[in-house]
Structures are given as C-alpha cells and as structure tokens.
Amino acid sequence: MGRGKIEIRRIENATNRQVTYSKRRNGIFKKAQELSVLCDAKVSLIMFSTTGKFHEYISPSVSQRMGEDLHGLRIHELHGLEQEMAESLTNIRDRKVKNLEERHGTLLMGFEPKCEDPHYGLVDNDDGIGGYDYGVALGNGVSDIYAYRSQHNHHPHLDHHGGGFGSHDLRLA
C-alpha cells in the first residue's frame, strides 16, 4: 500500500518540523551514499538546519581528494591519487594561462585602435625607477601608460590662444 501525498508547505509546529528535517536529512544522505556506491558517482552534500547546525556527506573518493581518509590507502593508491592531483593542477594552470592570454589579446585589440587615432597620444609616466617597458603593468595591475584624447572645441566664443591645445583640451580616455 502506497503512502498518501502530502502538501509541500512549511510545517508550523517546531517539534514536528525538526523531526521531519532529521528524517528527511537522513534519507537524503542515505540516497547520496547509495548513489555513490551503485553508480560510482562523486557526491557531496552540505546542509544547515534552522538552528545553524552543519551536516555533510562526502563520497569517499571526494574526501580522499580533500586529504581525508588517506590512512587506509596503499602506496600505489596514494601514487595514483597524487598523479590525478598533478594532472588536475596542470589542467587548471593551462586554463588560467589561456584565460589570461585571451584577456591580454582583448586589451591589446582595444589599445591598438587608440594608438592609430590621430586624436590620441601616449604619455609615459615611467620615471626611470624600476625600468618598466611600455605596456608593462605595475604590481597592482595598473599600467604606467595613459592614453589621452584631445578635444578641440571649435566654439566661436572661446579663445584658444592661437588655436593650439591647452591643458583644458585633454580628456582621459
């Protein structure tokens, strides 16, 4: 005989709510463990009760990667785990390098058109300390090269003192 369906809504009685939470939490953890064993899946669950109590389930293969449960492994299993970690680290580094190269290329593509625009000029603020080359970023990620765009206003009522560009005509690009 099957169970009747219940309406999914908040349980008003605090005691009943806590009992239901505990039973369902244990049921979910049991299902996670079964899924891990039957399907060789890597499962991780984190739950917090309304009182802030922390409960977790981590499948054994995941907990080994976190440095837990290593005491029961044989030496060849430890070597295999170490090899997997080294390969994962290499993959992560490769992805980061690729991401940085893409970002660098995007920045260069945005910088090159400004260099070709006759309204832009480069000002190098390198004072000779440290010997930075053009385009090298400082330690905080800020470049020591600034692009300025000159705004020449042809307003008839403004005197440009001979039509030149003054400091008021420069705008930070």
N, C-alpha and C. Protein backbone atom coordinates (compact mmCIF):
# COMPACT_ATOMS: atom_id res chain seq x y z
N MET A 1 0.84 -1.16 0.00
CA MET A 1 0.00 0.00 0.00
C MET A 1 0.89 1.24 0.00
N GLY A 2 0.63 2.18 -0.89
CA GLY A 2 1.46 3.38 -1.02
C GLY A 2 1.10 4.45 -0.01
N ARG A 3 2.01 5.32 0.17
CA ARG A 3 1.79 6.45 1.07
C ARG A 3 0.98 7.51 0.36
N GLY A 4 0.25 8.27 1.14
CA GLY A 4 -0.50 9.37 0.57
C GLY A 4 0.41 10.57 0.33
N LYS A 5 0.05 11.37 -0.64
CA LYS A 5 0.84 12.56 -0.93
C LYS A 5 0.56 13.62 0.12
N ILE A 6 1.62 14.35 0.47
CA ILE A 6 1.44 15.44 1.41
C ILE A 6 1.62 16.76 0.67
N GLU A 7 1.00 17.78 1.20
CA GLU A 7 1.17 19.11 0.62
C GLU A 7 2.52 19.66 1.07
N ILE A 8 3.30 20.13 0.11
CA ILE A 8 4.63 20.66 0.43
C ILE A 8 4.47 22.13 0.82
N ARG A 9 4.53 22.35 2.11
CA ARG A 9 4.48 23.70 2.67
C ARG A 9 5.18 23.65 4.02
N ARG A 10 5.47 24.81 4.58
CA ARG A 10 6.19 24.89 5.85
C ARG A 10 5.37 24.26 6.96
N ILE A 11 6.04 23.45 7.78
CA ILE A 11 5.39 22.82 8.93
C ILE A 11 5.39 23.84 10.06
N GLU A 12 4.22 24.15 10.57
CA GLU A 12 4.10 25.20 11.58
C GLU A 12 4.62 24.78 12.95
N ASN A 13 4.37 23.55 13.35
CA ASN A 13 4.81 23.07 14.66
C ASN A 13 6.33 22.85 14.63
N ALA A 14 7.06 23.53 15.52
CA ALA A 14 8.52 23.48 15.52
C ALA A 14 9.06 22.07 15.79
N THR A 15 8.43 21.33 16.69
CA THR A 15 8.89 19.98 17.01
C THR A 15 8.71 19.07 15.80
N ASN A 16 7.53 19.12 15.19
CA ASN A 16 7.27 18.30 14.00
C ASN A 16 8.22 18.69 12.86
N ARG A 17 8.48 19.99 12.74
CA ARG A 17 9.38 20.46 11.68
C ARG A 17 10.78 19.89 11.88
N GLN A 18 11.28 19.88 13.12
CA GLN A 18 12.62 19.36 13.41
C GLN A 18 12.70 17.86 13.18
N VAL A 19 11.66 17.12 13.57
CA VAL A 19 11.63 15.67 13.36
C VAL A 19 11.62 15.37 11.86
N THR A 20 10.81 16.11 11.10
CA THR A 20 10.75 15.91 9.65
C THR A 20 12.09 16.22 9.00
N TYR A 21 12.72 17.31 9.43
CA TYR A 21 14.04 17.68 8.90
C TYR A 21 15.05 16.56 9.14
N SER A 22 15.07 16.04 10.35
CA SER A 22 16.03 14.99 10.71
C SER A 22 15.81 13.74 9.88
N LYS A 23 14.55 13.32 9.75
CA LYS A 23 14.25 12.11 8.97
C LYS A 23 14.59 12.30 7.50
N ARG A 24 14.20 13.42 6.95
CA ARG A 24 14.47 13.66 5.52
C ARG A 24 15.96 13.86 5.25
N ARG A 25 16.66 14.50 6.18
CA ARG A 25 18.11 14.66 6.04
C ARG A 25 18.78 13.29 5.98
N ASN A 26 18.41 12.42 6.91
CA ASN A 26 18.99 11.07 6.91
C ASN A 26 18.64 10.32 5.63
N GLY A 27 17.43 10.51 5.13
CA GLY A 27 17.03 9.87 3.88
C GLY A 27 17.84 10.37 2.69
N ILE A 28 18.08 11.68 2.66
CA ILE A 28 18.88 12.24 1.56
C ILE A 28 20.32 11.74 1.63
N PHE A 29 20.87 11.67 2.85
CA PHE A 29 22.23 11.17 2.99
C PHE A 29 22.32 9.70 2.60
N LYS A 30 21.29 8.93 2.92
CA LYS A 30 21.28 7.52 2.53
C LYS A 30 21.24 7.40 1.01
N LYS A 31 20.39 8.21 0.37
CA LYS A 31 20.32 8.18 -1.10
C LYS A 31 21.65 8.61 -1.72
N ALA A 32 22.32 9.60 -1.14
CA ALA A 32 23.61 10.05 -1.65
C ALA A 32 24.64 8.93 -1.55
N GLN A 33 24.64 8.22 -0.42
CA GLN A 33 25.58 7.11 -0.24
C GLN A 33 25.28 5.99 -1.23
N GLU A 34 24.00 5.68 -1.44
CA GLU A 34 23.62 4.65 -2.41
C GLU A 34 24.04 5.05 -3.82
N LEU A 35 23.81 6.29 -4.17
CA LEU A 35 24.19 6.78 -5.49
C LEU A 35 25.70 6.69 -5.69
N SER A 36 26.44 7.00 -4.65
CA SER A 36 27.90 6.93 -4.70
C SER A 36 28.37 5.50 -4.92
N VAL A 37 27.77 4.54 -4.22
CA VAL A 37 28.19 3.13 -4.33
C VAL A 37 27.70 2.51 -5.63
N LEU A 38 26.42 2.66 -5.94
CA LEU A 38 25.83 1.99 -7.11
C LEU A 38 26.35 2.54 -8.43
N CYS A 39 26.49 3.83 -8.52
CA CYS A 39 26.82 4.46 -9.81
C CYS A 39 28.25 5.00 -9.87
N ASP A 40 29.03 4.77 -8.83
CA ASP A 40 30.40 5.27 -8.76
C ASP A 40 30.44 6.78 -8.99
N ALA A 41 29.43 7.45 -8.43
CA ALA A 41 29.33 8.91 -8.56
C ALA A 41 30.05 9.58 -7.41
N LYS A 42 30.54 10.78 -7.67
CA LYS A 42 31.15 11.59 -6.62
C LYS A 42 30.07 12.54 -6.11
N VAL A 43 29.70 12.37 -4.85
CA VAL A 43 28.58 13.12 -4.28
C VAL A 43 29.06 13.91 -3.07
N SER A 44 28.64 15.16 -3.00
CA SER A 44 28.90 15.99 -1.83
C SER A 44 27.63 16.74 -1.48
N LEU A 45 27.24 16.69 -0.22
CA LEU A 45 26.05 17.40 0.25
C LEU A 45 26.42 18.22 1.48
N ILE A 46 25.88 19.41 1.55
CA ILE A 46 26.04 20.26 2.72
C ILE A 46 24.65 20.75 3.09
N MET A 47 24.32 20.61 4.37
CA MET A 47 23.00 21.07 4.84
C MET A 47 23.19 21.84 6.14
N PHE A 48 22.40 22.90 6.29
CA PHE A 48 22.37 23.67 7.53
C PHE A 48 20.93 23.67 8.03
N SER A 49 20.76 23.33 9.30
CA SER A 49 19.42 23.37 9.89
C SER A 49 19.08 24.81 10.24
N THR A 50 17.84 25.04 10.64
CA THR A 50 17.43 26.39 11.02
C THR A 50 18.18 26.87 12.26
N THR A 51 18.69 25.95 13.05
CA THR A 51 19.47 26.32 14.23
C THR A 51 20.93 26.60 13.87
N GLY A 52 21.29 26.41 12.59
CA GLY A 52 22.65 26.66 12.14
C GLY A 52 23.56 25.46 12.24
N LYS A 53 23.01 24.30 12.60
CA LYS A 53 23.84 23.10 12.71
C LYS A 53 24.19 22.61 11.31
N PHE A 54 25.45 22.21 11.17
CA PHE A 54 26.02 21.82 9.88
C PHE A 54 26.03 20.30 9.75
N HIS A 55 25.56 19.80 8.59
CA HIS A 55 25.61 18.37 8.28
C HIS A 55 26.17 18.23 6.87
N GLU A 56 26.99 17.20 6.68
CA GLU A 56 27.58 17.00 5.36
C GLU A 56 27.68 15.52 5.03
N TYR A 57 27.68 15.23 3.73
CA TYR A 57 28.02 13.90 3.24
C TYR A 57 28.99 14.12 2.09
N ILE A 58 30.09 13.39 2.14
CA ILE A 58 31.08 13.44 1.07
C ILE A 58 31.42 12.01 0.70
N SER A 59 31.29 11.68 -0.59
CA SER A 59 31.63 10.32 -1.01
C SER A 59 33.11 10.08 -0.76
N PRO A 60 33.49 8.82 -0.52
CA PRO A 60 34.88 8.51 -0.14
C PRO A 60 35.92 9.01 -1.13
N SER A 61 35.66 8.94 -2.43
CA SER A 61 36.66 9.39 -3.39
C SER A 61 36.89 10.90 -3.29
N VAL A 62 35.84 11.65 -2.97
CA VAL A 62 35.98 13.10 -2.82
C VAL A 62 36.71 13.43 -1.53
N SER A 63 36.38 12.73 -0.45
CA SER A 63 37.04 13.02 0.83
C SER A 63 38.52 12.69 0.78
N GLN A 64 38.92 11.71 -0.04
CA GLN A 64 40.34 11.40 -0.19
C GLN A 64 41.05 12.55 -0.90
N ARG A 65 40.39 13.16 -1.86
CA ARG A 65 41.00 14.27 -2.57
C ARG A 65 41.14 15.50 -1.69
N MET A 66 40.33 15.57 -0.65
CA MET A 66 40.42 16.68 0.28
C MET A 66 41.45 16.40 1.36
N GLY A 67 42.11 15.24 1.30
CA GLY A 67 43.14 14.90 2.28
C GLY A 67 42.61 14.13 3.46
N GLU A 68 41.37 13.71 3.41
CA GLU A 68 40.79 12.91 4.49
C GLU A 68 40.78 11.44 4.07
N ASP A 69 40.68 10.55 5.00
CA ASP A 69 40.58 9.10 4.75
C ASP A 69 41.74 8.55 3.92
N LEU A 70 42.93 9.06 4.13
CA LEU A 70 44.09 8.57 3.38
C LEU A 70 44.81 7.44 4.10
N HIS A 71 44.52 7.26 5.38
CA HIS A 71 45.26 6.27 6.16
C HIS A 71 45.00 4.83 5.70
N GLY A 72 43.88 4.55 5.06
CA GLY A 72 43.57 3.20 4.63
C GLY A 72 44.07 2.88 3.22
N LEU A 73 44.71 3.81 2.56
CA LEU A 73 45.16 3.59 1.18
C LEU A 73 46.53 2.94 1.14
N ARG A 74 46.72 2.11 0.11
CA ARG A 74 48.03 1.51 -0.12
C ARG A 74 48.90 2.50 -0.89
N ILE A 75 50.17 2.19 -0.96
CA ILE A 75 51.12 3.12 -1.57
C ILE A 75 50.80 3.38 -3.04
N HIS A 76 50.40 2.34 -3.80
CA HIS A 76 50.09 2.56 -5.22
C HIS A 76 48.82 3.41 -5.38
N GLU A 77 47.89 3.29 -4.45
CA GLU A 77 46.69 4.13 -4.49
C GLU A 77 47.05 5.59 -4.18
N LEU A 78 47.97 5.78 -3.25
CA LEU A 78 48.43 7.14 -2.94
C LEU A 78 49.15 7.76 -4.14
N HIS A 79 49.97 6.95 -4.82
CA HIS A 79 50.66 7.46 -6.02
C HIS A 79 49.65 7.82 -7.10
N GLY A 80 48.63 6.99 -7.27
CA GLY A 80 47.59 7.30 -8.26
C GLY A 80 46.85 8.58 -7.93
N LEU A 81 46.54 8.76 -6.66
CA LEU A 81 45.86 9.97 -6.21
C LEU A 81 46.75 11.20 -6.43
N GLU A 82 48.03 11.04 -6.14
CA GLU A 82 48.98 12.14 -6.35
C GLU A 82 49.07 12.49 -7.84
N GLN A 83 49.08 11.47 -8.71
CA GLN A 83 49.14 11.70 -10.15
C GLN A 83 47.89 12.43 -10.63
N GLU A 84 46.72 12.03 -10.14
CA GLU A 84 45.47 12.71 -10.51
C GLU A 84 45.50 14.18 -10.10
N MET A 85 46.00 14.44 -8.90
CA MET A 85 46.08 15.81 -8.42
C MET A 85 47.04 16.64 -9.27
N ALA A 86 48.16 16.05 -9.66
CA ALA A 86 49.13 16.77 -10.50
C ALA A 86 48.53 17.09 -11.87
N GLU A 87 47.80 16.13 -12.45
CA GLU A 87 47.15 16.36 -13.74
C GLU A 87 46.07 17.43 -13.62
N SER A 88 45.31 17.40 -12.54
CA SER A 88 44.28 18.42 -12.33
C SER A 88 44.90 19.80 -12.19
N LEU A 89 46.00 19.88 -11.47
CA LEU A 89 46.69 21.15 -11.29
C LEU A 89 47.21 21.68 -12.62
N THR A 90 47.74 20.79 -13.46
CA THR A 90 48.22 21.19 -14.78
C THR A 90 47.06 21.72 -15.63
N ASN A 91 45.92 21.04 -15.59
CA ASN A 91 44.75 21.49 -16.34
C ASN A 91 44.28 22.86 -15.88
N ILE A 92 44.27 23.07 -14.57
CA ILE A 92 43.84 24.37 -14.03
C ILE A 92 44.80 25.47 -14.47
N ARG A 93 46.10 25.19 -14.39
CA ARG A 93 47.09 26.19 -14.82
C ARG A 93 46.93 26.51 -16.29
N ASP A 94 46.73 25.49 -17.13
CA ASP A 94 46.55 25.71 -18.56
C ASP A 94 45.33 26.58 -18.84
N ARG A 95 44.23 26.32 -18.12
CA ARG A 95 43.02 27.13 -18.31
C ARG A 95 43.26 28.58 -17.89
N LYS A 96 43.98 28.76 -16.78
CA LYS A 96 44.26 30.13 -16.32
C LYS A 96 45.15 30.86 -17.32
N VAL A 97 46.17 30.19 -17.84
CA VAL A 97 47.05 30.82 -18.82
C VAL A 97 46.26 31.19 -20.07
N LYS A 98 45.41 30.29 -20.54
CA LYS A 98 44.60 30.57 -21.73
C LYS A 98 43.68 31.77 -21.48
N ASN A 99 43.07 31.82 -20.30
CA ASN A 99 42.19 32.94 -19.95
C ASN A 99 42.97 34.25 -19.93
N LEU A 100 44.16 34.24 -19.33
CA LEU A 100 44.98 35.46 -19.28
C LEU A 100 45.43 35.88 -20.68
N GLU A 101 45.77 34.92 -21.54
CA GLU A 101 46.16 35.26 -22.91
C GLU A 101 45.00 35.88 -23.67
N GLU A 102 43.78 35.35 -23.47
CA GLU A 102 42.61 35.92 -24.13
C GLU A 102 42.35 37.34 -23.64
N ARG A 103 42.45 37.55 -22.33
CA ARG A 103 42.24 38.89 -21.78
C ARG A 103 43.30 39.86 -22.29
N HIS A 104 44.55 39.39 -22.37
CA HIS A 104 45.63 40.23 -22.88
C HIS A 104 45.36 40.61 -24.33
N GLY A 105 44.94 39.65 -25.14
CA GLY A 105 44.62 39.93 -26.54
C GLY A 105 43.49 40.92 -26.68
N THR A 106 42.47 40.79 -25.84
CA THR A 106 41.34 41.72 -25.87
C THR A 106 41.80 43.13 -25.51
N LEU A 107 42.64 43.23 -24.50
CA LEU A 107 43.15 44.55 -24.11
C LEU A 107 44.00 45.17 -25.23
N LEU A 108 44.83 44.35 -25.87
CA LEU A 108 45.65 44.87 -26.97
C LEU A 108 44.79 45.33 -28.13
N MET A 109 43.73 44.58 -28.44
CA MET A 109 42.85 44.99 -29.54
C MET A 109 42.17 46.31 -29.24
N GLY A 110 41.87 46.57 -27.98
CA GLY A 110 41.27 47.85 -27.61
C GLY A 110 42.29 48.97 -27.57
N PHE A 111 43.56 48.64 -27.33
CA PHE A 111 44.61 49.63 -27.21
C PHE A 111 45.12 50.08 -28.58
N GLU A 112 45.26 49.14 -29.53
CA GLU A 112 45.82 49.45 -30.84
C GLU A 112 45.03 50.50 -31.62
N PRO A 113 43.69 50.43 -31.66
CA PRO A 113 42.96 51.48 -32.39
C PRO A 113 43.18 52.87 -31.79
N LYS A 114 43.36 52.96 -30.49
CA LYS A 114 43.59 54.26 -29.87
C LYS A 114 44.95 54.81 -30.27
N CYS A 115 45.93 53.92 -30.47
CA CYS A 115 47.25 54.37 -30.88
C CYS A 115 47.24 54.89 -32.31
N GLU A 116 46.36 54.34 -33.15
CA GLU A 116 46.29 54.74 -34.54
C GLU A 116 45.46 56.01 -34.72
N ASP A 117 44.60 56.34 -33.78
CA ASP A 117 43.75 57.53 -33.86
C ASP A 117 44.62 58.77 -33.67
N PRO A 118 44.60 59.72 -34.64
CA PRO A 118 45.45 60.91 -34.50
C PRO A 118 45.04 61.81 -33.34
N HIS A 119 43.87 61.60 -32.77
CA HIS A 119 43.43 62.41 -31.64
C HIS A 119 43.98 61.90 -30.31
N TYR A 120 44.65 60.76 -30.34
CA TYR A 120 45.20 60.18 -29.12
C TYR A 120 46.72 60.34 -29.12
N GLY A 121 47.26 60.46 -27.95
CA GLY A 121 48.70 60.50 -27.78
C GLY A 121 49.06 59.70 -26.54
N LEU A 122 50.27 59.21 -26.48
CA LEU A 122 50.69 58.43 -25.32
C LEU A 122 51.57 59.27 -24.43
N VAL A 123 51.36 59.14 -23.15
CA VAL A 123 52.20 59.79 -22.15
C VAL A 123 52.77 58.69 -21.29
N ASP A 124 54.09 58.61 -21.24
CA ASP A 124 54.74 57.58 -20.43
C ASP A 124 55.14 58.21 -19.11
N ASN A 125 54.63 57.66 -18.02
CA ASN A 125 54.94 58.18 -16.69
C ASN A 125 56.07 57.43 -16.03
N ASP A 126 56.86 56.69 -16.78
CA ASP A 126 57.98 55.95 -16.20
C ASP A 126 59.08 56.95 -15.86
N ASP A 127 59.44 57.00 -14.60
CA ASP A 127 60.46 57.95 -14.16
C ASP A 127 61.84 57.31 -14.12
N GLY A 128 61.99 56.16 -14.75
CA GLY A 128 63.29 55.51 -14.79
C GLY A 128 63.54 54.59 -13.62
N ILE A 129 62.69 54.63 -12.61
CA ILE A 129 62.86 53.75 -11.47
C ILE A 129 62.23 52.41 -11.79
N GLY A 130 62.97 51.38 -11.72
CA GLY A 130 62.43 50.05 -11.98
C GLY A 130 62.57 49.63 -13.42
N GLY A 131 62.76 50.56 -14.35
CA GLY A 131 62.99 50.23 -15.75
C GLY A 131 61.85 49.51 -16.42
N TYR A 132 60.60 49.94 -16.21
CA TYR A 132 59.47 49.30 -16.86
C TYR A 132 59.44 49.68 -18.33
N ASP A 133 59.12 48.70 -19.18
CA ASP A 133 58.95 48.97 -20.60
C ASP A 133 57.54 49.47 -20.83
N TYR A 134 57.29 49.98 -22.04
CA TYR A 134 55.96 50.42 -22.39
C TYR A 134 54.99 49.25 -22.28
N GLY A 135 53.83 49.48 -21.74
CA GLY A 135 52.79 48.48 -21.67
C GLY A 135 52.93 47.50 -20.53
N VAL A 136 53.96 47.59 -19.73
CA VAL A 136 54.12 46.68 -18.61
C VAL A 136 53.27 47.20 -17.46
N ALA A 137 52.48 46.32 -16.87
CA ALA A 137 51.60 46.73 -15.79
C ALA A 137 52.38 46.77 -14.48
N LEU A 138 51.94 47.65 -13.61
CA LEU A 138 52.53 47.71 -12.28
C LEU A 138 52.04 46.55 -11.45
N GLY A 139 52.55 46.41 -10.24
CA GLY A 139 52.20 45.30 -9.37
C GLY A 139 50.72 45.24 -9.05
N ASN A 140 50.05 46.40 -9.02
CA ASN A 140 48.62 46.40 -8.71
C ASN A 140 47.77 46.26 -9.97
N GLY A 141 48.39 45.96 -11.11
CA GLY A 141 47.64 45.72 -12.34
C GLY A 141 47.38 46.97 -13.15
N VAL A 142 47.87 48.12 -12.72
CA VAL A 142 47.62 49.37 -13.43
C VAL A 142 48.83 49.66 -14.31
N SER A 143 48.58 49.99 -15.55
CA SER A 143 49.67 50.29 -16.45
C SER A 143 50.19 51.69 -16.18
N ASP A 144 51.47 51.92 -16.49
CA ASP A 144 52.03 53.24 -16.29
C ASP A 144 51.98 54.07 -17.57
N ILE A 145 51.16 53.65 -18.53
CA ILE A 145 50.95 54.40 -19.76
C ILE A 145 49.50 54.85 -19.80
N TYR A 146 49.29 56.10 -20.13
CA TYR A 146 47.94 56.64 -20.19
C TYR A 146 47.69 57.16 -21.59
N ALA A 147 46.49 56.94 -22.09
CA ALA A 147 46.11 57.48 -23.39
C ALA A 147 45.22 58.69 -23.16
N TYR A 148 45.55 59.78 -23.81
CA TYR A 148 44.75 60.99 -23.70
C TYR A 148 44.17 61.32 -25.06
N ARG A 149 42.95 61.77 -25.06
CA ARG A 149 42.31 62.21 -26.29
C ARG A 149 42.15 63.71 -26.21
N SER A 150 42.62 64.37 -27.23
CA SER A 150 42.49 65.82 -27.23
C SER A 150 41.12 66.19 -27.78
N GLN A 151 40.45 67.08 -27.11
CA GLN A 151 39.14 67.56 -27.52
C GLN A 151 39.31 68.99 -28.00
N HIS A 152 39.33 69.19 -29.29
CA HIS A 152 39.48 70.53 -29.81
C HIS A 152 38.09 71.10 -30.05
N ASN A 153 37.74 72.09 -29.30
CA ASN A 153 36.42 72.72 -29.43
C ASN A 153 36.52 73.88 -30.41
N HIS A 154 35.68 73.88 -31.40
CA HIS A 154 35.64 74.96 -32.39
C HIS A 154 34.48 75.88 -32.06
N HIS A 155 34.42 76.31 -30.86
CA HIS A 155 33.36 77.20 -30.44
C HIS A 155 33.80 78.63 -30.74
N PRO A 156 32.96 79.43 -31.41
CA PRO A 156 33.39 80.76 -31.83
C PRO A 156 33.67 81.72 -30.67
N HIS A 157 33.08 81.49 -29.51
CA HIS A 157 33.25 82.42 -28.40
C HIS A 157 34.41 82.05 -27.47
N LEU A 158 35.08 80.95 -27.75
CA LEU A 158 36.21 80.54 -26.92
C LEU A 158 37.51 80.91 -27.61
N ASP A 159 38.39 81.54 -26.88
CA ASP A 159 39.70 81.90 -27.42
C ASP A 159 40.67 80.78 -27.09
N HIS A 160 41.23 80.15 -28.13
CA HIS A 160 42.17 79.05 -27.93
C HIS A 160 43.60 79.53 -27.97
N HIS A 161 43.83 80.81 -27.92
CA HIS A 161 45.18 81.37 -27.93
C HIS A 161 45.97 80.83 -29.11
N GLY A 162 45.47 81.12 -30.27
CA GLY A 162 46.19 80.71 -31.47
C GLY A 162 45.76 79.36 -31.99
N GLY A 163 44.69 78.78 -31.47
CA GLY A 163 44.17 77.53 -32.00
C GLY A 163 44.88 76.30 -31.48
N GLY A 164 45.81 76.41 -30.55
CA GLY A 164 46.52 75.25 -30.01
C GLY A 164 45.68 74.52 -28.98
N PHE A 165 46.23 73.46 -28.49
CA PHE A 165 45.56 72.68 -27.46
C PHE A 165 46.14 73.05 -26.10
N GLY A 166 45.29 73.43 -25.19
CA GLY A 166 45.72 73.71 -23.83
C GLY A 166 45.42 72.52 -22.94
N SER A 167 45.78 72.61 -21.67
CA SER A 167 45.54 71.50 -20.75
C SER A 167 44.05 71.26 -20.56
N HIS A 168 43.22 72.29 -20.81
CA HIS A 168 41.78 72.11 -20.67
C HIS A 168 41.20 71.30 -21.82
N ASP A 169 41.98 71.08 -22.89
CA ASP A 169 41.52 70.31 -24.04
C ASP A 169 41.82 68.83 -23.92
N LEU A 170 42.54 68.40 -22.90
CA LEU A 170 42.89 66.99 -22.74
C LEU A 170 41.86 66.29 -21.88
N ARG A 171 41.44 65.11 -22.32
CA ARG A 171 40.49 64.30 -21.57
C ARG A 171 41.09 62.91 -21.42
N LEU A 172 40.96 62.31 -20.24
CA LEU A 172 41.47 60.96 -20.02
C LEU A 172 40.60 59.98 -20.80
N ALA A 173 41.22 59.18 -21.64
CA ALA A 173 40.47 58.24 -22.49
C ALA A 173 40.08 57.03 -21.71
